[in-house]
Protein backbone atom coordinates (compact mmCIF):
# COMPACT_ATOMS: atom_id res chain seq x y z
CA MET A 1 -104.52 286.36 -6.69
CA ILE A 2 -107.79 286.24 -4.94
CA PRO A 3 -108.22 283.42 -2.48
CA MET A 4 -110.52 280.61 -3.55
CA GLY A 5 -112.88 281.10 -0.76
CA VAL A 6 -113.52 284.72 -1.96
CA LEU A 7 -114.02 283.50 -5.57
CA ALA A 8 -116.39 280.65 -4.56
CA SER A 9 -118.76 283.39 -3.28
CA HIS A 10 -118.99 285.03 -6.65
CA ALA A 11 -121.35 284.04 -9.41
CA HIS A 12 -119.74 285.87 -12.37
CA ALA A 13 -116.44 287.60 -13.58
CA LEU A 14 -117.08 290.71 -15.55
CA VAL A 15 -114.05 291.42 -17.75
CA ARG A 16 -113.67 294.66 -19.83
CA HIS A 17 -111.69 294.30 -22.91
CA LEU A 18 -108.10 295.64 -23.19
CA PRO A 19 -107.43 299.31 -24.08
CA VAL A 20 -107.84 300.28 -27.60
CA ASP A 21 -105.90 302.89 -29.70
CA ALA A 22 -108.81 305.40 -30.06
CA GLU A 23 -107.67 308.42 -27.92
CA GLY A 24 -110.49 311.19 -28.05
CA LEU A 25 -112.66 309.18 -30.45
CA CYS A 26 -116.26 308.28 -29.97
CA TYR A 27 -116.69 304.54 -30.37
CA GLY A 28 -119.20 301.97 -29.31
CA ARG A 29 -120.14 299.45 -31.99
CA LEU A 30 -117.23 300.67 -34.09
CA ASP A 31 -115.28 297.46 -34.31
CA LEU A 32 -111.77 298.47 -33.08
CA PRO A 33 -109.07 295.97 -32.27
CA ALA A 34 -107.52 295.90 -28.86
CA GLY A 35 -104.37 298.04 -28.83
CA GLY A 36 -102.34 294.96 -28.14
CA ASN A 37 -102.29 292.07 -25.66
CA GLU A 38 -100.55 293.88 -22.89
CA GLY A 39 -102.63 293.47 -19.85
CA ALA A 40 -103.96 290.02 -20.70
CA GLU A 41 -101.68 288.36 -18.16
CA ALA A 42 -103.14 290.52 -15.33
CA VAL A 43 -106.59 289.53 -16.34
CA LEU A 44 -105.71 285.86 -16.29
CA ALA A 45 -104.11 286.30 -12.92
CA ALA A 46 -107.17 287.90 -11.74
CA LEU A 47 -109.39 285.12 -13.03
CA ARG A 48 -106.96 282.33 -11.51
CA GLY A 49 -109.06 280.16 -9.20
CA PHE A 50 -112.39 281.54 -10.40
CA PRO A 51 -114.72 278.36 -10.90
CA ALA A 52 -115.94 279.32 -14.29
CA ARG A 53 -118.13 276.92 -16.46
CA HIS A 54 -118.93 279.36 -19.15
CA LEU A 55 -117.09 282.10 -21.22
CA ILE A 56 -119.30 284.53 -23.10
CA SER A 57 -118.00 287.42 -25.02
CA SER A 58 -119.25 290.28 -27.30
CA PRO A 59 -118.58 289.61 -30.89
CA ALA A 60 -116.38 292.77 -31.15
CA ARG A 61 -112.83 292.09 -31.99
CA ARG A 62 -111.47 293.99 -28.91
CA CYS A 63 -113.46 291.57 -26.71
CA ARG A 64 -113.02 288.37 -28.86
CA SER A 65 -109.19 288.63 -28.80
CA LEU A 66 -109.19 288.75 -25.00
CA ALA A 67 -111.89 285.98 -24.70
CA ASP A 68 -109.71 283.78 -26.89
CA THR A 69 -106.84 284.25 -24.53
CA ILE A 70 -108.90 283.42 -21.56
CA GLY A 71 -110.46 280.34 -23.44
CA ALA A 72 -106.92 279.07 -24.23
CA ALA A 73 -105.78 279.41 -20.68
CA SER A 74 -108.95 277.93 -19.19
CA GLY A 75 -110.06 275.37 -21.64
CA LEU A 76 -113.52 276.91 -21.89
CA PRO A 77 -115.19 277.37 -25.37
CA CYS A 78 -116.23 280.91 -26.00
CA ARG A 79 -119.97 281.66 -26.84
CA LEU A 80 -120.40 285.01 -28.65
CA ASP A 81 -123.51 286.96 -27.73
CA ALA A 82 -124.46 290.17 -29.67
CA ARG A 83 -126.46 291.55 -26.82
CA LEU A 84 -123.12 292.30 -24.97
CA ARG A 85 -122.25 294.80 -27.73
CA GLU A 86 -121.49 298.46 -26.61
CA LEU A 87 -124.02 301.10 -27.10
CA ASP A 88 -124.54 302.05 -30.81
CA PHE A 89 -123.45 305.76 -31.30
CA GLY A 90 -124.72 305.76 -34.88
CA ALA A 91 -123.48 308.83 -36.87
CA TRP A 92 -121.18 309.67 -33.82
CA GLU A 93 -119.07 306.48 -34.24
CA GLY A 94 -115.39 307.21 -35.11
CA LEU A 95 -115.70 310.91 -34.67
CA PRO A 96 -113.53 312.82 -32.36
CA TRP A 97 -115.71 313.63 -29.30
CA ASP A 98 -114.91 317.40 -29.72
CA SER A 99 -116.73 317.24 -33.08
CA VAL A 100 -119.87 315.99 -31.73
CA PRO A 101 -122.21 319.02 -31.33
CA CYS A 102 -122.41 320.20 -27.72
CA PRO A 103 -126.21 320.57 -27.80
CA ALA A 104 -126.48 316.92 -28.62
CA LEU A 105 -124.08 315.79 -25.88
CA ASP A 106 -126.21 317.99 -23.43
CA GLU A 107 -129.45 316.42 -24.68
CA TRP A 108 -127.82 313.02 -24.12
CA ALA A 109 -126.57 313.76 -20.64
CA ALA A 110 -130.01 315.23 -19.75
CA ASP A 111 -131.89 312.00 -20.97
CA PRO A 112 -129.45 309.04 -21.31
CA TRP A 113 -132.44 306.65 -21.28
CA GLY A 114 -134.49 308.29 -23.94
CA PHE A 115 -131.82 309.98 -26.23
CA ALA A 116 -130.28 308.31 -29.23
CA PRO A 117 -127.54 309.56 -31.38
CA PRO A 118 -128.66 310.03 -35.00
CA GLY A 119 -128.83 306.45 -36.34
CA GLY A 120 -127.85 304.97 -33.01
CA GLU A 121 -129.48 303.47 -29.93
CA SER A 122 -130.84 304.91 -26.69
CA GLY A 123 -129.81 303.80 -23.18
CA ALA A 124 -133.13 302.11 -22.81
CA ALA A 125 -132.45 299.93 -25.76
CA LEU A 126 -129.05 299.13 -24.29
CA VAL A 127 -130.63 298.25 -20.91
CA ALA A 128 -133.34 296.18 -22.80
CA ARG A 129 -130.73 293.98 -24.53
CA LEU A 130 -128.88 293.46 -21.33
CA ARG A 131 -131.98 292.59 -19.36
CA ALA A 132 -132.69 289.82 -22.01
CA PHE A 133 -129.08 288.59 -21.68
CA HIS A 134 -129.16 288.73 -17.95
CA ALA A 135 -132.49 286.67 -17.95
CA GLU A 136 -130.63 283.80 -19.67
CA LEU A 137 -127.18 284.11 -18.00
CA PRO A 138 -125.84 280.81 -16.63
CA ASP A 139 -124.09 280.71 -13.39
CA ALA A 140 -120.26 280.80 -13.05
CA ALA A 141 -119.73 282.79 -16.22
CA ILE A 142 -116.76 284.93 -17.35
CA ILE A 143 -118.28 287.74 -19.39
CA VAL A 144 -115.90 289.73 -21.70
CA ALA A 145 -117.67 292.90 -22.88
CA HIS A 146 -117.46 296.63 -22.96
CA GLY A 147 -117.72 299.57 -20.41
CA GLY A 148 -121.32 300.44 -21.02
CA SER A 149 -122.71 296.99 -21.35
CA LEU A 150 -120.89 295.68 -18.17
CA LYS A 151 -121.91 298.78 -16.13
CA VAL A 152 -125.50 297.74 -17.06
CA LEU A 153 -125.03 294.10 -16.35
CA ARG A 154 -123.35 294.75 -13.15
CA ALA A 155 -126.23 296.76 -11.83
CA LEU A 156 -128.66 294.06 -13.05
CA LEU A 157 -126.72 291.37 -11.30
CA ALA A 158 -126.81 293.46 -8.04
CA GLY A 159 -130.60 293.86 -8.42
CA MET A 160 -130.27 297.59 -8.93
CA GLU A 161 -131.50 299.96 -11.61
CA PRO A 162 -128.59 300.77 -14.00
CA ASP A 163 -127.07 304.26 -13.70
CA LEU A 164 -126.11 305.04 -17.34
CA LEU A 165 -124.01 308.15 -16.37
CA SER A 166 -121.95 306.26 -13.76
CA PRO A 167 -118.25 305.57 -14.63
CA ALA A 168 -117.38 302.29 -16.38
CA GLN A 169 -114.86 299.78 -15.09
CA PRO A 170 -111.34 300.43 -16.63
CA PRO A 171 -110.17 298.55 -19.69
CA GLY A 172 -108.49 295.29 -18.78
CA SER A 173 -110.10 295.07 -15.43
CA VAL A 174 -111.90 292.17 -13.74
CA LEU A 175 -114.90 292.60 -11.39
CA PHE A 176 -116.66 289.78 -9.67
CA SER A 177 -120.32 289.88 -8.96
CA PRO A 178 -121.68 288.38 -5.68
CA MET A 179 -123.88 285.49 -5.49
CA ARG A 180 -127.48 286.28 -5.13
């Protein structure tokens, strides 16, 4: 548990959904359910004492299920916001990563801001959605979302430019953003 004085100095709690059963698959917008509720108690314990006034979630099932658990424990109603969705991988959604052509993956790694998978979205589009969300974000919010969207949002909350190739926070984890 985090002491109340530490929590009071944080503006937002960023919660990544629990793990999914998708080993080796490319998934972003693919609406996979969480692999179970194991880990929810650890998330609730991490949030204990956080003075939340808002609960906002991606509409994906894997986020909504955890947000519903948080809402039941906290008494906060959950607002869904589609801007928190994960990056849309288009034609790659649901494919094993090893079946995505290597030249396309190399192109994506070389230009994560400009490259979009066929029928998907670019990193710039992801960041634009999250900038719009960030501009309207109320204080003291618990945000339940995905690795990519939370990585971008965390950078925006810190006043930094997002690094689209940096690692995402682990599934089922909670990170607190400092007050600005």
